[in-house]
Amino acid sequence: MYGSEKVFPVSWDIFHRDARALAWRLAAIGGFSAIVAVTRGGLVPAAIVARELGITVVETVCVASYHDEMERGEVQVLKPLTDTILARPSAEVLIIDDLVDTGATAKTVRDMLPKAHFATVYAKPQGLPMVDTFVTEVSQDTWIFFPWDTGLSFQAPIGKPDAKPDGKPRRRI
């Protein structure tokens, strides 16, 4: 999936900063009584936003659109919304995800709560119409490596993508 695309690695510190920036934007809007985290990516930003805004009702909706971590497929709802969320006015519900990419997952969740406020930390152009608030826009051909997906390892220089950790080019066979 990310072989020919741009790579954007995000550290824990940067992600925490960006999630708090999202909370600042959402605090200015106000009126939220509950959060729905879109799992799995929305769990971490939802926890940060919930803390910053003092929201104690946090639920999940489990949606899968990637299979084997890199293959995008059909959007599947693995765990629907609970009665706790469905009983609230949807305008009071804040939906949080880490990223809106094509908008397919966001559309599925938005259809469940059409009047909810949808917020993501990062957004790509195709998915922008599906979200109400986001922090950072990245190009559609950028693959974001979130801190929970990565470990410390060598990163090849942008100008030498085939370099090995010792800086020498890889041999092509």
N, C-alpha and C. Protein backbone atom coordinates (compact mmCIF):
# COMPACT_ATOMS: atom_id res chain seq x y z
N MET A 1 0.82 -1.19 0.00
CA MET A 1 0.00 0.00 0.00
C MET A 1 0.86 1.25 0.00
N TYR A 2 1.93 1.29 0.80
CA TYR A 2 2.68 2.54 0.91
C TYR A 2 3.99 2.52 0.14
N GLY A 3 4.21 1.53 -0.71
CA GLY A 3 5.47 1.40 -1.42
C GLY A 3 5.88 2.63 -2.23
N SER A 4 4.97 3.18 -3.02
CA SER A 4 5.34 4.32 -3.86
C SER A 4 4.81 5.64 -3.31
N GLU A 5 4.19 5.60 -2.17
CA GLU A 5 3.60 6.81 -1.61
C GLU A 5 4.58 7.54 -0.71
N LYS A 6 4.23 8.76 -0.36
CA LYS A 6 5.01 9.52 0.61
C LYS A 6 4.76 8.93 1.99
N VAL A 7 5.76 9.01 2.84
CA VAL A 7 5.66 8.47 4.19
C VAL A 7 5.74 9.61 5.19
N PHE A 8 4.82 9.61 6.15
CA PHE A 8 4.77 10.65 7.18
C PHE A 8 4.77 9.97 8.55
N PRO A 9 5.95 9.81 9.16
CA PRO A 9 5.98 9.18 10.49
C PRO A 9 5.58 10.19 11.56
N VAL A 10 4.75 9.74 12.50
CA VAL A 10 4.27 10.60 13.58
C VAL A 10 4.72 9.97 14.90
N SER A 11 5.45 10.73 15.71
CA SER A 11 5.91 10.24 17.02
C SER A 11 4.79 10.39 18.04
N TRP A 12 4.98 9.77 19.20
CA TRP A 12 4.01 9.91 20.29
C TRP A 12 3.87 11.37 20.70
N ASP A 13 4.99 12.08 20.81
CA ASP A 13 4.94 13.49 21.21
C ASP A 13 4.16 14.34 20.21
N ILE A 14 4.42 14.14 18.95
CA ILE A 14 3.72 14.91 17.91
C ILE A 14 2.24 14.55 17.90
N PHE A 15 1.93 13.27 18.02
CA PHE A 15 0.53 12.87 18.01
C PHE A 15 -0.21 13.46 19.21
N HIS A 16 0.42 13.42 20.37
CA HIS A 16 -0.20 13.99 21.57
C HIS A 16 -0.44 15.49 21.38
N ARG A 17 0.54 16.18 20.84
CA ARG A 17 0.39 17.61 20.58
C ARG A 17 -0.77 17.88 19.62
N ASP A 18 -0.83 17.09 18.54
CA ASP A 18 -1.88 17.28 17.54
C ASP A 18 -3.26 16.93 18.10
N ALA A 19 -3.35 15.90 18.92
CA ALA A 19 -4.64 15.53 19.53
C ALA A 19 -5.10 16.62 20.50
N ARG A 20 -4.17 17.23 21.22
CA ARG A 20 -4.53 18.34 22.11
C ARG A 20 -4.96 19.56 21.30
N ALA A 21 -4.33 19.78 20.15
CA ALA A 21 -4.75 20.87 19.27
C ALA A 21 -6.19 20.63 18.79
N LEU A 22 -6.51 19.37 18.52
CA LEU A 22 -7.88 19.03 18.15
C LEU A 22 -8.82 19.35 19.30
N ALA A 23 -8.42 19.02 20.52
CA ALA A 23 -9.25 19.31 21.69
C ALA A 23 -9.49 20.81 21.84
N TRP A 24 -8.47 21.62 21.59
CA TRP A 24 -8.64 23.08 21.66
C TRP A 24 -9.71 23.54 20.69
N ARG A 25 -9.65 23.03 19.46
CA ARG A 25 -10.63 23.42 18.45
C ARG A 25 -12.04 23.00 18.86
N LEU A 26 -12.15 21.80 19.42
CA LEU A 26 -13.45 21.27 19.81
C LEU A 26 -14.00 21.99 21.04
N ALA A 27 -13.11 22.41 21.94
CA ALA A 27 -13.53 23.16 23.14
C ALA A 27 -14.20 24.46 22.73
N ALA A 28 -13.73 25.08 21.66
CA ALA A 28 -14.31 26.33 21.19
C ALA A 28 -15.73 26.12 20.66
N ILE A 29 -16.03 24.91 20.21
CA ILE A 29 -17.36 24.59 19.69
C ILE A 29 -18.29 24.23 20.85
N GLY A 30 -17.83 23.31 21.71
CA GLY A 30 -18.57 22.92 22.91
C GLY A 30 -19.87 22.18 22.64
N GLY A 31 -20.56 21.83 23.74
CA GLY A 31 -21.85 21.17 23.65
C GLY A 31 -21.83 19.67 23.52
N PHE A 32 -20.67 19.05 23.72
CA PHE A 32 -20.57 17.60 23.57
C PHE A 32 -20.75 16.91 24.92
N SER A 33 -21.54 15.84 24.94
CA SER A 33 -21.76 15.10 26.18
C SER A 33 -21.21 13.68 26.11
N ALA A 34 -20.79 13.26 24.93
CA ALA A 34 -20.27 11.90 24.77
C ALA A 34 -19.34 11.84 23.57
N ILE A 35 -18.44 10.87 23.61
CA ILE A 35 -17.51 10.63 22.51
C ILE A 35 -17.70 9.21 22.01
N VAL A 36 -17.65 9.07 20.69
CA VAL A 36 -17.57 7.76 20.06
C VAL A 36 -16.21 7.69 19.38
N ALA A 37 -15.38 6.76 19.84
CA ALA A 37 -14.07 6.53 19.23
C ALA A 37 -14.24 5.49 18.14
N VAL A 38 -13.75 5.80 16.95
CA VAL A 38 -13.76 4.84 15.85
C VAL A 38 -12.52 3.98 16.02
N THR A 39 -12.73 2.70 16.30
CA THR A 39 -11.58 1.84 16.58
C THR A 39 -11.01 1.29 15.27
N ARG A 40 -9.72 1.11 15.39
CA ARG A 40 -8.84 1.25 16.52
C ARG A 40 -8.17 2.60 16.57
N GLY A 41 -8.00 3.23 15.43
CA GLY A 41 -7.23 4.47 15.36
C GLY A 41 -7.76 5.61 16.20
N GLY A 42 -9.05 5.64 16.45
CA GLY A 42 -9.63 6.73 17.21
C GLY A 42 -9.52 6.60 18.71
N LEU A 43 -9.03 5.46 19.20
CA LEU A 43 -8.96 5.24 20.64
C LEU A 43 -8.04 6.23 21.35
N VAL A 44 -6.84 6.40 20.84
CA VAL A 44 -5.87 7.29 21.51
C VAL A 44 -6.31 8.75 21.44
N PRO A 45 -6.67 9.28 20.26
CA PRO A 45 -7.10 10.68 20.27
C PRO A 45 -8.39 10.88 21.07
N ALA A 46 -9.29 9.90 21.09
CA ALA A 46 -10.52 10.03 21.88
C ALA A 46 -10.20 10.14 23.36
N ALA A 47 -9.24 9.36 23.83
CA ALA A 47 -8.85 9.44 25.25
C ALA A 47 -8.28 10.81 25.58
N ILE A 48 -7.47 11.35 24.69
CA ILE A 48 -6.87 12.67 24.93
C ILE A 48 -7.94 13.76 24.90
N VAL A 49 -8.81 13.71 23.91
CA VAL A 49 -9.87 14.71 23.81
C VAL A 49 -10.83 14.60 25.00
N ALA A 50 -11.18 13.38 25.40
CA ALA A 50 -12.07 13.18 26.55
C ALA A 50 -11.47 13.80 27.81
N ARG A 51 -10.19 13.60 28.01
CA ARG A 51 -9.52 14.18 29.18
C ARG A 51 -9.55 15.69 29.12
N GLU A 52 -9.18 16.24 27.97
CA GLU A 52 -9.07 17.69 27.83
C GLU A 52 -10.43 18.39 27.94
N LEU A 53 -11.49 17.74 27.47
CA LEU A 53 -12.81 18.37 27.49
C LEU A 53 -13.66 17.93 28.68
N GLY A 54 -13.13 17.02 29.50
CA GLY A 54 -13.87 16.56 30.67
C GLY A 54 -15.08 15.70 30.33
N ILE A 55 -15.02 14.99 29.22
CA ILE A 55 -16.12 14.12 28.81
C ILE A 55 -15.86 12.72 29.36
N THR A 56 -16.83 12.19 30.10
CA THR A 56 -16.62 10.89 30.74
C THR A 56 -17.36 9.74 30.05
N VAL A 57 -18.28 10.04 29.16
CA VAL A 57 -18.96 8.98 28.42
C VAL A 57 -18.20 8.79 27.11
N VAL A 58 -17.50 7.68 27.03
CA VAL A 58 -16.70 7.36 25.85
C VAL A 58 -17.07 5.95 25.41
N GLU A 59 -17.55 5.84 24.20
CA GLU A 59 -17.95 4.56 23.63
C GLU A 59 -17.10 4.29 22.38
N THR A 60 -17.26 3.11 21.84
CA THR A 60 -16.56 2.78 20.59
C THR A 60 -17.55 2.27 19.56
N VAL A 61 -17.19 2.48 18.33
CA VAL A 61 -17.80 1.80 17.21
C VAL A 61 -16.62 1.14 16.49
N CYS A 62 -16.73 -0.15 16.30
CA CYS A 62 -15.61 -0.90 15.71
C CYS A 62 -15.87 -1.11 14.22
N VAL A 63 -15.04 -0.46 13.43
CA VAL A 63 -15.18 -0.49 11.98
C VAL A 63 -13.85 -0.90 11.38
N ALA A 64 -13.89 -1.80 10.43
CA ALA A 64 -12.67 -2.24 9.76
C ALA A 64 -12.79 -1.95 8.26
N SER A 65 -11.78 -1.26 7.74
CA SER A 65 -11.72 -1.05 6.29
C SER A 65 -10.38 -1.51 5.74
N TYR A 66 -9.44 -1.78 6.64
CA TYR A 66 -8.15 -2.33 6.23
C TYR A 66 -8.06 -3.75 6.75
N HIS A 67 -7.55 -4.61 5.92
CA HIS A 67 -7.39 -6.01 6.30
C HIS A 67 -5.92 -6.35 6.09
N ASP A 68 -5.34 -7.07 7.02
CA ASP A 68 -3.90 -7.36 7.01
C ASP A 68 -3.10 -6.06 7.05
N GLU A 69 -3.61 -5.05 7.74
CA GLU A 69 -2.97 -3.76 8.00
C GLU A 69 -2.73 -2.88 6.77
N MET A 70 -2.63 -3.44 5.57
CA MET A 70 -2.28 -2.63 4.41
C MET A 70 -3.30 -2.74 3.27
N GLU A 71 -4.13 -3.73 3.28
CA GLU A 71 -5.08 -3.94 2.18
C GLU A 71 -6.42 -3.31 2.52
N ARG A 72 -6.80 -2.29 1.76
CA ARG A 72 -8.09 -1.66 1.97
C ARG A 72 -9.15 -2.54 1.34
N GLY A 73 -10.24 -2.72 2.05
CA GLY A 73 -11.32 -3.56 1.54
C GLY A 73 -12.67 -2.96 1.87
N GLU A 74 -13.67 -3.80 1.87
CA GLU A 74 -15.03 -3.39 2.19
C GLU A 74 -15.11 -2.92 3.64
N VAL A 75 -15.85 -1.87 3.91
CA VAL A 75 -16.03 -1.38 5.28
C VAL A 75 -16.98 -2.33 6.00
N GLN A 76 -16.53 -2.81 7.16
CA GLN A 76 -17.33 -3.73 7.96
C GLN A 76 -17.53 -3.14 9.35
N VAL A 77 -18.77 -3.15 9.84
CA VAL A 77 -19.05 -2.73 11.21
C VAL A 77 -18.94 -3.99 12.07
N LEU A 78 -17.91 -4.02 12.91
CA LEU A 78 -17.67 -5.18 13.76
C LEU A 78 -18.38 -5.08 15.10
N LYS A 79 -18.60 -3.85 15.57
CA LYS A 79 -19.35 -3.59 16.80
C LYS A 79 -20.12 -2.30 16.59
N PRO A 80 -21.45 -2.37 16.62
CA PRO A 80 -22.25 -1.17 16.38
C PRO A 80 -22.28 -0.25 17.60
N LEU A 81 -22.93 0.87 17.44
CA LEU A 81 -23.11 1.82 18.54
C LEU A 81 -23.99 1.20 19.62
N THR A 82 -23.78 1.63 20.85
CA THR A 82 -24.57 1.13 21.97
C THR A 82 -25.81 1.99 22.18
N ASP A 83 -26.75 1.46 22.95
CA ASP A 83 -27.96 2.21 23.29
C ASP A 83 -27.63 3.47 24.08
N THR A 84 -26.53 3.43 24.83
CA THR A 84 -26.10 4.61 25.59
C THR A 84 -25.90 5.80 24.67
N ILE A 85 -25.30 5.57 23.52
CA ILE A 85 -25.06 6.64 22.56
C ILE A 85 -26.31 6.94 21.75
N LEU A 86 -26.99 5.91 21.31
CA LEU A 86 -28.17 6.10 20.46
C LEU A 86 -29.31 6.82 21.19
N ALA A 87 -29.32 6.75 22.53
CA ALA A 87 -30.37 7.42 23.32
C ALA A 87 -30.12 8.93 23.44
N ARG A 88 -28.89 9.39 23.16
CA ARG A 88 -28.55 10.81 23.26
C ARG A 88 -28.92 11.54 21.98
N PRO A 89 -29.15 12.84 22.08
CA PRO A 89 -29.27 13.62 20.84
C PRO A 89 -27.94 13.54 20.09
N SER A 90 -27.97 13.14 18.84
CA SER A 90 -26.70 12.93 18.13
C SER A 90 -25.88 14.20 17.98
N ALA A 91 -26.52 15.37 18.09
CA ALA A 91 -25.78 16.63 18.01
C ALA A 91 -24.84 16.82 19.21
N GLU A 92 -25.06 16.08 20.29
CA GLU A 92 -24.19 16.14 21.46
C GLU A 92 -23.04 15.15 21.39
N VAL A 93 -23.04 14.31 20.37
CA VAL A 93 -22.03 13.26 20.26
C VAL A 93 -20.87 13.73 19.38
N LEU A 94 -19.69 13.45 19.86
CA LEU A 94 -18.45 13.77 19.15
C LEU A 94 -17.83 12.47 18.68
N ILE A 95 -17.67 12.32 17.38
CA ILE A 95 -17.03 11.14 16.81
C ILE A 95 -15.57 11.49 16.58
N ILE A 96 -14.67 10.64 17.07
CA ILE A 96 -13.23 10.89 16.95
C ILE A 96 -12.55 9.74 16.23
N ASP A 97 -11.71 10.09 15.27
CA ASP A 97 -10.84 9.10 14.60
C ASP A 97 -9.48 9.74 14.40
N ASP A 98 -8.49 8.90 14.15
CA ASP A 98 -7.13 9.42 13.95
C ASP A 98 -6.99 10.09 12.60
N LEU A 99 -7.69 9.54 11.58
CA LEU A 99 -7.48 9.97 10.20
C LEU A 99 -8.73 9.74 9.39
N VAL A 100 -9.03 10.66 8.49
CA VAL A 100 -10.00 10.39 7.44
C VAL A 100 -9.20 10.30 6.15
N ASP A 101 -9.33 9.18 5.46
CA ASP A 101 -8.56 8.92 4.25
C ASP A 101 -9.46 9.10 3.03
N THR A 102 -10.12 8.06 2.59
CA THR A 102 -11.03 8.18 1.45
C THR A 102 -12.40 8.66 1.89
N GLY A 103 -12.70 8.54 3.17
CA GLY A 103 -14.01 8.93 3.69
C GLY A 103 -14.97 7.76 3.80
N ALA A 104 -14.58 6.57 3.37
CA ALA A 104 -15.49 5.42 3.40
C ALA A 104 -15.87 5.03 4.83
N THR A 105 -14.90 4.92 5.71
CA THR A 105 -15.20 4.59 7.11
C THR A 105 -16.00 5.72 7.75
N ALA A 106 -15.60 6.95 7.52
CA ALA A 106 -16.30 8.10 8.09
C ALA A 106 -17.75 8.13 7.63
N LYS A 107 -18.01 7.83 6.37
CA LYS A 107 -19.38 7.83 5.86
C LYS A 107 -20.21 6.78 6.58
N THR A 108 -19.64 5.61 6.78
CA THR A 108 -20.35 4.53 7.47
C THR A 108 -20.74 4.97 8.88
N VAL A 109 -19.81 5.60 9.60
CA VAL A 109 -20.09 6.02 10.96
C VAL A 109 -21.02 7.24 10.97
N ARG A 110 -20.80 8.17 10.07
CA ARG A 110 -21.65 9.36 10.01
C ARG A 110 -23.11 8.98 9.71
N ASP A 111 -23.31 7.95 8.89
CA ASP A 111 -24.67 7.50 8.60
C ASP A 111 -25.38 7.01 9.86
N MET A 112 -24.62 6.52 10.84
CA MET A 112 -25.20 6.05 12.11
C MET A 112 -25.63 7.22 12.99
N LEU A 113 -24.88 8.32 12.93
CA LEU A 113 -25.15 9.51 13.75
C LEU A 113 -25.04 10.75 12.86
N PRO A 114 -26.01 11.01 12.02
CA PRO A 114 -25.88 12.07 11.02
C PRO A 114 -25.66 13.48 11.57
N LYS A 115 -26.12 13.75 12.79
CA LYS A 115 -25.97 15.11 13.34
C LYS A 115 -24.79 15.23 14.30
N ALA A 116 -24.04 14.15 14.48
CA ALA A 116 -22.87 14.19 15.36
C ALA A 116 -21.77 15.03 14.72
N HIS A 117 -20.87 15.50 15.54
CA HIS A 117 -19.71 16.27 15.07
C HIS A 117 -18.57 15.28 14.86
N PHE A 118 -18.03 15.22 13.66
CA PHE A 118 -16.97 14.26 13.33
C PHE A 118 -15.63 14.99 13.31
N ALA A 119 -14.68 14.52 14.11
CA ALA A 119 -13.37 15.17 14.19
C ALA A 119 -12.26 14.15 14.03
N THR A 120 -11.22 14.53 13.30
CA THR A 120 -10.05 13.68 13.13
C THR A 120 -8.80 14.52 13.35
N VAL A 121 -7.73 13.84 13.69
CA VAL A 121 -6.46 14.54 13.86
C VAL A 121 -5.89 14.89 12.49
N TYR A 122 -5.90 13.92 11.58
CA TYR A 122 -5.35 14.12 10.24
C TYR A 122 -6.45 13.88 9.21
N ALA A 123 -6.32 14.56 8.06
CA ALA A 123 -7.32 14.43 7.00
C ALA A 123 -6.65 14.45 5.64
N LYS A 124 -7.16 13.61 4.74
CA LYS A 124 -6.73 13.61 3.35
C LYS A 124 -7.85 14.21 2.50
N PRO A 125 -7.50 14.77 1.35
CA PRO A 125 -8.48 15.51 0.54
C PRO A 125 -9.76 14.74 0.22
N GLN A 126 -9.67 13.46 -0.12
CA GLN A 126 -10.88 12.71 -0.48
C GLN A 126 -11.85 12.59 0.69
N GLY A 127 -11.33 12.56 1.90
CA GLY A 127 -12.18 12.39 3.08
C GLY A 127 -12.65 13.67 3.72
N LEU A 128 -12.08 14.81 3.31
CA LEU A 128 -12.42 16.09 3.94
C LEU A 128 -13.92 16.39 4.02
N PRO A 129 -14.71 16.08 2.99
CA PRO A 129 -16.14 16.39 3.10
C PRO A 129 -16.85 15.64 4.23
N MET A 130 -16.26 14.59 4.75
CA MET A 130 -16.91 13.78 5.78
C MET A 130 -16.65 14.28 7.20
N VAL A 131 -15.67 15.16 7.39
CA VAL A 131 -15.33 15.60 8.75
C VAL A 131 -15.68 17.07 8.96
N ASP A 132 -15.95 17.38 10.22
CA ASP A 132 -16.28 18.75 10.59
C ASP A 132 -15.06 19.51 11.09
N THR A 133 -14.17 18.81 11.79
CA THR A 133 -12.98 19.44 12.37
C THR A 133 -11.80 18.49 12.22
N PHE A 134 -10.64 19.05 11.88
CA PHE A 134 -9.41 18.28 11.82
C PHE A 134 -8.26 19.23 12.14
N VAL A 135 -7.07 18.66 12.33
CA VAL A 135 -5.91 19.49 12.67
C VAL A 135 -4.99 19.67 11.48
N THR A 136 -4.59 18.59 10.84
CA THR A 136 -3.58 18.65 9.79
C THR A 136 -4.04 17.91 8.54
N GLU A 137 -3.94 18.58 7.39
CA GLU A 137 -4.25 17.93 6.12
C GLU A 137 -2.95 17.41 5.51
N VAL A 138 -3.02 16.19 5.01
CA VAL A 138 -1.89 15.59 4.30
C VAL A 138 -2.36 15.17 2.92
N SER A 139 -1.44 15.07 1.98
CA SER A 139 -1.82 14.70 0.61
C SER A 139 -2.38 13.28 0.57
N GLN A 140 -3.19 13.02 -0.44
CA GLN A 140 -3.85 11.72 -0.56
C GLN A 140 -2.85 10.58 -0.70
N ASP A 141 -1.68 10.86 -1.29
CA ASP A 141 -0.69 9.80 -1.51
C ASP A 141 0.30 9.67 -0.35
N THR A 142 -0.05 10.20 0.81
CA THR A 142 0.82 10.10 1.99
C THR A 142 0.33 8.97 2.88
N TRP A 143 1.26 8.11 3.29
CA TRP A 143 0.95 7.05 4.23
C TRP A 143 1.45 7.50 5.60
N ILE A 144 0.54 7.62 6.56
CA ILE A 144 0.91 8.05 7.91
C ILE A 144 1.26 6.83 8.74
N PHE A 145 2.44 6.86 9.33
CA PHE A 145 2.84 5.84 10.29
C PHE A 145 2.59 6.39 11.67
N PHE A 146 1.56 5.87 12.34
CA PHE A 146 1.23 6.30 13.69
C PHE A 146 2.18 5.66 14.69
N PRO A 147 2.35 6.29 15.85
CA PRO A 147 3.34 5.77 16.80
C PRO A 147 3.03 4.36 17.29
N TRP A 148 1.77 3.97 17.33
CA TRP A 148 1.44 2.62 17.77
C TRP A 148 1.70 1.58 16.69
N ASP A 149 2.03 2.02 15.48
CA ASP A 149 2.32 1.11 14.38
C ASP A 149 3.80 0.90 14.14
N THR A 150 4.64 1.66 14.83
CA THR A 150 6.05 1.66 14.48
C THR A 150 6.95 1.43 15.68
N GLY A 151 8.19 1.16 15.39
CA GLY A 151 9.26 1.09 16.39
C GLY A 151 10.41 1.90 15.85
N LEU A 152 11.43 2.04 16.64
CA LEU A 152 12.60 2.80 16.18
C LEU A 152 13.36 1.98 15.15
N SER A 153 13.60 2.56 14.01
CA SER A 153 14.36 1.89 12.97
C SER A 153 14.95 2.93 12.03
N PHE A 154 15.87 2.49 11.22
CA PHE A 154 16.51 3.35 10.24
C PHE A 154 15.48 3.88 9.25
N GLN A 155 15.61 5.15 8.90
CA GLN A 155 14.79 5.77 7.86
C GLN A 155 15.72 6.23 6.75
N ALA A 156 15.48 5.74 5.54
CA ALA A 156 16.30 6.14 4.41
C ALA A 156 16.08 7.62 4.12
N PRO A 157 17.11 8.35 3.67
CA PRO A 157 16.94 9.75 3.29
C PRO A 157 15.92 9.86 2.15
N ILE A 158 15.16 10.93 2.13
CA ILE A 158 14.14 11.12 1.10
C ILE A 158 14.74 11.02 -0.30
N GLY A 159 15.92 11.58 -0.48
CA GLY A 159 16.57 11.56 -1.78
C GLY A 159 17.22 10.24 -2.14
N LYS A 160 17.34 9.33 -1.17
CA LYS A 160 17.97 8.02 -1.41
C LYS A 160 17.11 6.94 -0.78
N PRO A 161 15.92 6.69 -1.32
CA PRO A 161 15.00 5.74 -0.69
C PRO A 161 15.51 4.31 -0.64
N ASP A 162 16.53 3.99 -1.43
CA ASP A 162 17.05 2.63 -1.44
C ASP A 162 18.26 2.45 -0.53
N ALA A 163 18.59 3.46 0.28
CA ALA A 163 19.77 3.38 1.14
C ALA A 163 19.54 2.39 2.29
N LYS A 164 20.61 1.71 2.67
CA LYS A 164 20.58 0.82 3.83
C LYS A 164 20.98 1.64 5.07
N PRO A 165 20.86 1.06 6.26
CA PRO A 165 21.23 1.79 7.48
C PRO A 165 22.66 2.32 7.48
N ASP A 166 23.55 1.70 6.71
CA ASP A 166 24.93 2.19 6.66
C ASP A 166 25.10 3.33 5.67
N GLY A 167 23.99 3.73 4.99
CA GLY A 167 24.02 4.85 4.06
C GLY A 167 24.34 4.45 2.63
N LYS A 168 24.77 3.21 2.43
CA LYS A 168 25.10 2.75 1.07
C LYS A 168 23.84 2.26 0.37
N PRO A 169 23.80 2.44 -0.95
CA PRO A 169 22.61 2.00 -1.69
C PRO A 169 22.45 0.48 -1.63
N ARG A 170 21.21 0.05 -1.70
CA ARG A 170 20.94 -1.39 -1.78
C ARG A 170 21.24 -1.85 -3.20
N ARG A 171 21.70 -3.05 -3.31
CA ARG A 171 21.92 -3.63 -4.63
C ARG A 171 20.61 -4.14 -5.17
N ARG A 172 20.40 -3.85 -6.42
CA ARG A 172 19.19 -4.39 -7.08
C ARG A 172 19.62 -5.63 -7.85
N ILE A 173 18.86 -6.65 -7.69
CA ILE A 173 19.18 -7.93 -8.35
C ILE A 173 18.19 -8.20 -9.44
